Amino acid sequence: MKLAITGERLARVVDVVEGELTFGSSGKNDVVLDGADVSPRHARLIKRGKRVIFADLASDHGTWVNGGKLAEPHALTPGDRIAIGHYRIEVHAEISRVLPRTPPPPPFTPRDVVETQLLAQIEARDVGSREVYADWLDDHGLQREAEFVRAQDELVQLRTSGAPRLRDERQREVSAAAAELDVRWRLAVSRPAIERCAPDFAFRCPKEWGALARTADPAVRFCSQCTKPVYYAASVAEARDRAANHECVALDLTAARGDGDLDEPYGRTCIACGFVAGTWGQPSCARCGADLPNRPMMVGAIA
C-alpha cells in the first residue's frame, strides 16, 4: 500500500511499511505537513501485517476520511481518501498504475534568463505579464508561440462573454495550433478550463489551469480555493477516468472533444481498489491493474 499526498506546492508518495507513521506540522513527524490547519501531531497510521489503521490524534481541525470526519480509528483500504487541513491523501494498492496513465512530460526549460523571469511572473499572475511575454516571443521570432499566448487570454474572456459560437470557433483554431507546439511549454502557459468541479466548490474555483499553484508534478496543480489537486489530462479517455472518480481535470487543447464527453454514465467499479473506469471498454483497472468485473447482462424479454 502507498499514500499519494498532494497539497499546495507538494506532491509526494509514501510507502506504508510495517510499523507506525505520524503526520503533523512538527518536524518530528514521519510525514511533515506544514500549515496552520494542521496540528503539530495530527494523525497516526499503524500497519500490523495486512491491517492498516489510521487515527486522528485529537487534532484541532480534525481528520476526514471519504468525506466524513474521523471519530474513531479507521481501517484503510485502497481507494480511501484522507483530508488533513488542505492536504489530500489517496490510498493506493500500487502507485505505479495510478493515473495519469500518460507519463507527464518533464518541466519546460526556459531558453534564457529573461524567459525564466517572464514565466515566473506569469506563474505569480503579475498584471500584464502574459502580454509582455507574448511581445518577447515575437521579438525572438517565435510568432506561433506569441499568438498562442494571446489566444489563451482571448479564450478565457470568451468563456464568460456569452458568445459560445465564437468561443467554439476560436477554440478549434487554438487546438489546431497547439498540436504544433512543445507540450512541455504548453503546460507552462496554457489556460484550459477546469472541468468536473464539484458543485460545492464551483463558485470558488478560478476555473482555469493558469490560475492554479504549481506542484512538483508539471501535470498536477493545486487549487487553493477548493483545496484540491487538478490533473492535466492528455486525452478524453484519461479525463473521463478522472471525472468518474470525482477529480477535477484540465483537458489538453489538442484532445478531440464532443458534447458531454466527460459526463456520465461511466464504467465499472474495481472490486480491489474502488476505482471507477471512465468507459465500459476497459478490461482492467487503470489504478491497480486488477481485472474489472464483467458488466451484468439481462437475458429475456421485459414484460
Protein backbone atom coordinates (compact mmCIF):
# COMPACT_ATOMS: atom_id res chain seq x y z
CA MET A 1 0.00 0.00 0.00
CA LYS A 2 1.14 3.54 -0.77
CA LEU A 3 -0.12 7.03 0.02
CA ALA A 4 -0.25 9.73 -2.69
CA ILE A 5 -0.13 13.09 -0.89
CA THR A 6 -0.91 16.41 -2.58
CA GLY A 7 -1.09 19.90 -1.19
CA GLU A 8 -0.11 23.41 -2.16
CA ARG A 9 3.24 23.01 -3.94
CA LEU A 10 3.52 19.44 -2.64
CA ALA A 11 3.19 16.08 -4.38
CA ARG A 12 4.84 13.01 -2.88
CA VAL A 13 4.36 9.27 -2.40
CA VAL A 14 4.84 7.50 0.94
CA ASP A 15 5.29 3.74 1.30
CA VAL A 16 3.23 2.10 4.03
CA VAL A 17 5.57 -0.32 5.79
CA GLU A 18 5.28 -2.39 8.95
CA GLY A 19 5.17 -0.12 11.98
CA GLU A 20 3.95 3.44 12.54
CA LEU A 21 3.81 6.73 10.61
CA THR A 22 2.91 10.04 12.23
CA PHE A 23 1.53 13.09 10.40
CA GLY A 24 1.64 16.71 11.52
CA SER A 25 3.23 20.13 11.19
CA SER A 26 6.06 19.40 13.61
CA GLY A 27 9.39 18.41 12.10
CA LYS A 28 9.45 15.40 14.44
CA ASN A 29 6.75 13.61 12.40
CA ASP A 30 7.47 10.98 9.77
CA VAL A 31 5.30 12.92 7.30
CA VAL A 32 5.55 16.69 7.82
CA LEU A 33 2.52 18.64 6.57
CA ASP A 34 3.13 22.34 7.04
CA GLY A 35 0.15 24.65 7.54
CA ALA A 36 -1.95 26.49 10.10
CA ASP A 37 -4.76 23.96 9.62
CA VAL A 38 -2.51 21.04 10.60
CA SER A 39 -1.78 20.27 14.27
CA PRO A 40 1.83 19.62 15.38
CA ARG A 41 0.94 15.95 15.95
CA HIS A 42 -2.19 15.49 13.85
CA ALA A 43 -2.70 11.81 12.91
CA ARG A 44 -1.12 8.37 13.06
CA LEU A 45 -1.03 5.31 10.80
CA ILE A 46 -0.20 1.85 12.18
CA LYS A 47 0.46 -1.19 9.99
CA ARG A 48 0.39 -4.66 11.51
CA GLY A 49 0.56 -7.37 8.90
CA LYS A 50 -2.24 -6.80 6.40
CA ARG A 51 -4.16 -4.46 8.70
CA VAL A 52 -3.59 -0.71 8.33
CA ILE A 53 -5.24 1.61 10.86
CA PHE A 54 -5.46 5.41 10.56
CA ALA A 55 -6.39 7.56 13.57
CA ASP A 56 -6.76 11.24 14.41
CA LEU A 57 -4.71 12.37 17.43
CA ALA A 58 -7.22 14.87 18.89
CA SER A 59 -6.18 17.43 16.29
CA ASP A 60 -7.57 20.98 16.34
CA HIS A 61 -9.20 20.86 12.90
CA GLY A 62 -9.93 17.15 12.60
CA THR A 63 -9.17 14.48 10.00
CA TRP A 64 -11.60 13.46 7.26
CA VAL A 65 -11.85 10.06 5.54
CA ASN A 66 -14.04 9.58 2.46
CA GLY A 67 -15.87 12.82 3.21
CA GLY A 68 -16.69 12.08 6.87
CA LYS A 69 -14.96 13.40 9.97
CA LEU A 70 -12.87 10.70 11.62
CA ALA A 71 -14.30 9.95 15.09
CA GLU A 72 -12.52 6.62 15.70
CA PRO A 73 -9.64 4.63 14.17
CA HIS A 74 -10.32 3.62 10.57
CA ALA A 75 -9.06 0.52 8.73
CA LEU A 76 -7.61 1.81 5.45
CA THR A 77 -8.29 0.12 2.11
CA PRO A 78 -7.16 1.09 -1.41
CA GLY A 79 -9.39 3.85 -2.73
CA ASP A 80 -9.80 5.64 0.61
CA ARG A 81 -9.30 9.41 0.57
CA ILE A 82 -7.99 11.29 3.60
CA ALA A 83 -8.07 15.05 4.20
CA ILE A 84 -5.75 16.73 6.72
CA GLY A 85 -6.08 20.51 6.52
CA HIS A 86 -5.61 21.43 2.84
CA TYR A 87 -3.68 18.21 2.15
CA ARG A 88 -5.29 15.29 0.30
CA ILE A 89 -4.07 11.71 0.72
CA GLU A 90 -5.17 8.93 -1.63
CA VAL A 91 -4.63 5.30 -0.62
CA HIS A 92 -3.40 3.07 -3.44
CA ALA A 93 -2.51 -0.59 -3.76
CA GLU A 94 0.08 0.10 -6.48
CA ILE A 95 1.23 3.63 -7.17
CA SER A 96 2.92 2.61 -10.44
CA ARG A 97 -0.51 2.23 -12.01
CA VAL A 98 -2.06 5.37 -10.55
CA LEU A 99 -3.45 7.86 -13.05
CA PRO A 100 -2.41 9.70 -15.10
CA ARG A 101 -1.55 6.72 -17.29
CA THR A 102 0.18 9.02 -19.78
CA PRO A 103 3.57 9.82 -18.16
CA PRO A 104 3.82 13.57 -17.57
CA PRO A 105 6.46 15.36 -19.65
CA PRO A 106 9.46 16.87 -17.89
CA PRO A 107 9.19 20.56 -16.96
CA PHE A 108 9.88 23.10 -19.70
CA THR A 109 13.41 24.56 -19.67
CA PRO A 110 13.40 28.30 -20.45
CA ARG A 111 15.67 29.44 -23.27
CA ASP A 112 17.41 32.18 -21.28
CA VAL A 113 17.32 34.13 -18.03
CA VAL A 114 14.78 36.64 -19.31
CA GLU A 115 12.31 33.91 -20.28
CA THR A 116 12.81 32.34 -16.84
CA GLN A 117 11.85 35.65 -15.22
CA LEU A 118 8.86 36.15 -17.52
CA LEU A 119 7.47 32.66 -16.83
CA ALA A 120 7.93 33.25 -13.09
CA GLN A 121 5.90 36.47 -13.41
CA ILE A 122 3.15 34.57 -15.26
CA GLU A 123 3.14 31.92 -12.52
CA ALA A 124 2.81 34.68 -9.92
CA ARG A 125 -0.05 36.10 -12.06
CA ASP A 126 1.53 39.55 -12.26
CA VAL A 127 -0.69 42.01 -14.12
CA GLY A 128 0.34 42.30 -17.78
CA SER A 129 2.96 39.51 -17.56
CA ARG A 130 1.40 37.42 -20.32
CA GLU A 131 1.26 40.38 -22.73
CA VAL A 132 4.91 41.17 -22.03
CA TYR A 133 5.85 37.53 -22.61
CA ALA A 134 3.97 37.45 -25.93
CA ASP A 135 5.92 40.53 -27.05
CA TRP A 136 9.18 38.84 -26.00
CA LEU A 137 8.29 35.77 -28.07
CA ASP A 138 7.58 37.98 -31.10
CA ASP A 139 10.95 39.71 -30.67
CA HIS A 140 12.65 36.30 -30.74
CA GLY A 141 10.94 35.09 -33.89
CA LEU A 142 8.50 32.80 -32.08
CA GLN A 143 5.32 34.13 -33.65
CA ARG A 144 3.31 30.89 -33.26
CA GLU A 145 4.07 30.79 -29.54
CA ALA A 146 3.22 34.51 -29.17
CA GLU A 147 -0.12 34.01 -30.91
CA PHE A 148 -0.87 31.02 -28.69
CA VAL A 149 -0.29 33.04 -25.50
CA ARG A 150 -2.56 35.83 -26.75
CA ALA A 151 -5.21 33.37 -27.93
CA GLN A 152 -5.32 31.76 -24.48
CA ASP A 153 -6.19 35.10 -22.90
CA GLU A 154 -8.86 35.67 -25.55
CA LEU A 155 -10.42 32.27 -24.87
CA VAL A 156 -10.63 32.98 -21.14
CA GLN A 157 -12.59 36.15 -21.94
CA LEU A 158 -14.86 34.34 -24.40
CA ARG A 159 -15.83 31.73 -21.79
CA THR A 160 -17.75 34.41 -19.88
CA SER A 161 -18.84 36.62 -22.79
CA GLY A 162 -21.98 34.71 -23.73
CA ALA A 163 -20.75 34.10 -27.29
CA PRO A 164 -20.49 30.28 -27.45
CA ARG A 165 -20.26 30.07 -31.25
CA LEU A 166 -17.34 32.48 -31.43
CA ARG A 167 -15.72 30.73 -28.45
CA ASP A 168 -16.00 27.27 -30.04
CA GLU A 169 -14.65 28.54 -33.37
CA ARG A 170 -11.67 30.16 -31.69
CA GLN A 171 -11.16 27.04 -29.55
CA ARG A 172 -10.83 24.88 -32.68
CA GLU A 173 -8.26 27.27 -34.17
CA VAL A 174 -6.20 27.29 -30.97
CA SER A 175 -6.41 23.48 -30.66
CA ALA A 176 -5.02 23.04 -34.19
CA ALA A 177 -2.16 25.44 -33.44
CA ALA A 178 -1.41 23.75 -30.10
CA ALA A 179 -0.61 20.43 -31.80
CA GLU A 180 2.49 22.02 -33.37
CA LEU A 181 3.87 23.38 -30.10
CA ASP A 182 6.02 21.73 -27.42
CA VAL A 183 3.68 20.15 -24.85
CA ARG A 184 6.15 20.98 -22.06
CA TRP A 185 5.91 24.66 -22.94
CA ARG A 186 2.12 24.46 -23.31
CA LEU A 187 1.79 23.05 -19.79
CA ALA A 188 3.53 26.18 -18.50
CA VAL A 189 1.42 28.77 -20.36
CA SER A 190 -1.89 27.10 -21.29
CA ARG A 191 -5.16 28.24 -19.73
CA PRO A 192 -7.62 25.39 -20.40
CA ALA A 193 -10.85 25.41 -18.45
CA ILE A 194 -11.11 23.27 -15.31
CA GLU A 195 -13.89 20.74 -15.68
CA ARG A 196 -15.91 18.44 -13.42
CA CYS A 197 -15.51 20.73 -10.42
CA ALA A 198 -17.91 19.63 -7.68
CA PRO A 199 -20.91 21.97 -7.14
CA ASP A 200 -19.71 22.68 -3.60
CA PHE A 201 -16.52 24.22 -4.98
CA ALA A 202 -17.55 25.56 -8.39
CA PHE A 203 -18.35 29.08 -7.18
CA ARG A 204 -14.86 29.46 -5.69
CA CYS A 205 -12.78 27.70 -8.33
CA PRO A 206 -10.88 30.04 -10.72
CA LYS A 207 -11.90 27.62 -13.50
CA GLU A 208 -8.64 27.85 -15.43
CA TRP A 209 -5.32 25.99 -15.25
CA GLY A 210 -3.15 29.10 -15.42
CA ALA A 211 -4.55 30.44 -12.13
CA LEU A 212 -3.55 27.39 -10.08
CA ALA A 213 -0.44 26.85 -7.97
CA ARG A 214 2.16 24.50 -9.41
CA THR A 215 3.30 21.30 -7.70
CA ALA A 216 6.37 19.12 -8.17
CA ASP A 217 4.49 17.30 -10.96
CA PRO A 218 4.06 19.52 -14.08
CA ALA A 219 0.74 17.74 -14.83
CA VAL A 220 -0.78 18.44 -11.38
CA ARG A 221 -1.68 21.84 -9.95
CA PHE A 222 -3.36 22.82 -6.72
CA CYS A 223 -6.48 24.94 -6.31
CA SER A 224 -6.08 26.93 -3.09
CA GLN A 225 -9.75 27.95 -3.15
CA CYS A 226 -11.13 24.39 -3.30
CA THR A 227 -8.04 22.86 -1.61
CA LYS A 228 -7.99 20.13 -4.26
CA PRO A 229 -5.48 18.92 -6.84
CA VAL A 230 -6.35 19.42 -10.51
CA TYR A 231 -4.98 16.98 -13.10
CA TYR A 232 -3.92 17.82 -16.66
CA ALA A 233 -5.31 15.09 -18.94
CA ALA A 234 -3.84 14.32 -22.37
CA SER A 235 -6.97 12.67 -23.76
CA VAL A 236 -10.73 12.46 -23.23
CA ALA A 237 -10.36 8.84 -22.07
CA GLU A 238 -7.92 9.88 -19.36
CA ALA A 239 -10.11 12.82 -18.35
CA ARG A 240 -13.16 10.52 -18.10
CA ASP A 241 -11.30 8.28 -15.67
CA ARG A 242 -10.60 11.35 -13.53
CA ALA A 243 -14.17 12.61 -13.81
CA ALA A 244 -15.61 9.20 -12.89
CA ASN A 245 -13.66 9.38 -9.62
CA HIS A 246 -14.75 12.94 -8.75
CA GLU A 247 -11.42 14.54 -9.70
CA CYS A 248 -11.06 17.94 -11.38
CA VAL A 249 -9.38 17.97 -14.79
CA ALA A 250 -7.91 20.39 -17.31
CA LEU A 251 -8.06 18.69 -20.71
CA ASP A 252 -5.25 19.27 -23.20
CA LEU A 253 -6.24 21.58 -26.04
CA THR A 254 -5.30 19.01 -28.68
CA ALA A 255 -7.84 16.43 -27.44
CA ALA A 256 -10.74 15.69 -29.80
CA ARG A 257 -13.85 16.88 -27.97
CA GLY A 258 -17.54 16.09 -28.21
CA ASP A 259 -20.65 17.38 -26.46
CA GLY A 260 -20.90 15.96 -22.93
CA ASP A 261 -17.77 13.85 -23.43
CA LEU A 262 -16.93 13.91 -19.70
CA ASP A 263 -20.47 13.25 -18.47
CA GLU A 264 -21.97 10.06 -17.03
CA PRO A 265 -22.60 7.18 -17.48
CA TYR A 266 -19.16 5.87 -16.55
CA GLY A 267 -17.89 2.30 -16.42
CA ARG A 268 -17.32 -0.45 -13.92
CA THR A 269 -16.03 -0.21 -10.36
CA CYS A 270 -12.86 -2.12 -9.44
CA ILE A 271 -13.56 -4.51 -6.56
CA ALA A 272 -9.89 -4.44 -5.49
CA CYS A 273 -9.41 -0.68 -5.04
CA GLY A 274 -12.75 1.04 -5.67
CA PHE A 275 -11.58 2.91 -8.80
CA VAL A 276 -14.29 3.67 -11.40
CA ALA A 277 -13.40 3.25 -15.08
CA GLY A 278 -14.32 6.15 -17.34
CA THR A 279 -15.68 3.82 -20.04
CA TRP A 280 -17.14 0.33 -20.21
CA GLY A 281 -14.50 -1.00 -22.61
CA GLN A 282 -11.54 -1.24 -20.22
CA PRO A 283 -10.65 -4.86 -19.29
CA SER A 284 -8.51 -3.99 -16.27
CA CYS A 285 -8.31 -1.29 -13.62
CA ALA A 286 -6.14 1.66 -14.63
CA ARG A 287 -5.23 2.27 -10.99
CA CYS A 288 -4.29 -1.15 -9.56
CA GLY A 289 -4.28 -3.41 -12.64
CA ALA A 290 -6.91 -5.86 -11.34
CA ASP A 291 -9.41 -7.37 -13.78
CA LEU A 292 -12.65 -5.40 -13.85
CA PRO A 293 -15.88 -7.36 -13.26
CA ASN A 294 -17.96 -8.25 -16.28
CA ARG A 295 -20.85 -5.92 -16.96
CA PRO A 296 -24.14 -7.52 -15.84
CA MET A 297 -26.29 -8.67 -18.74
CA MET A 298 -30.06 -9.17 -18.64
CA VAL A 299 -31.41 -12.05 -20.66
CA GLY A 300 -35.01 -12.40 -21.76
CA ALA A 301 -37.90 -10.17 -22.62
CA ILE A 302 -39.09 -7.30 -20.48
CA ALA A 303 -42.81 -7.51 -19.76
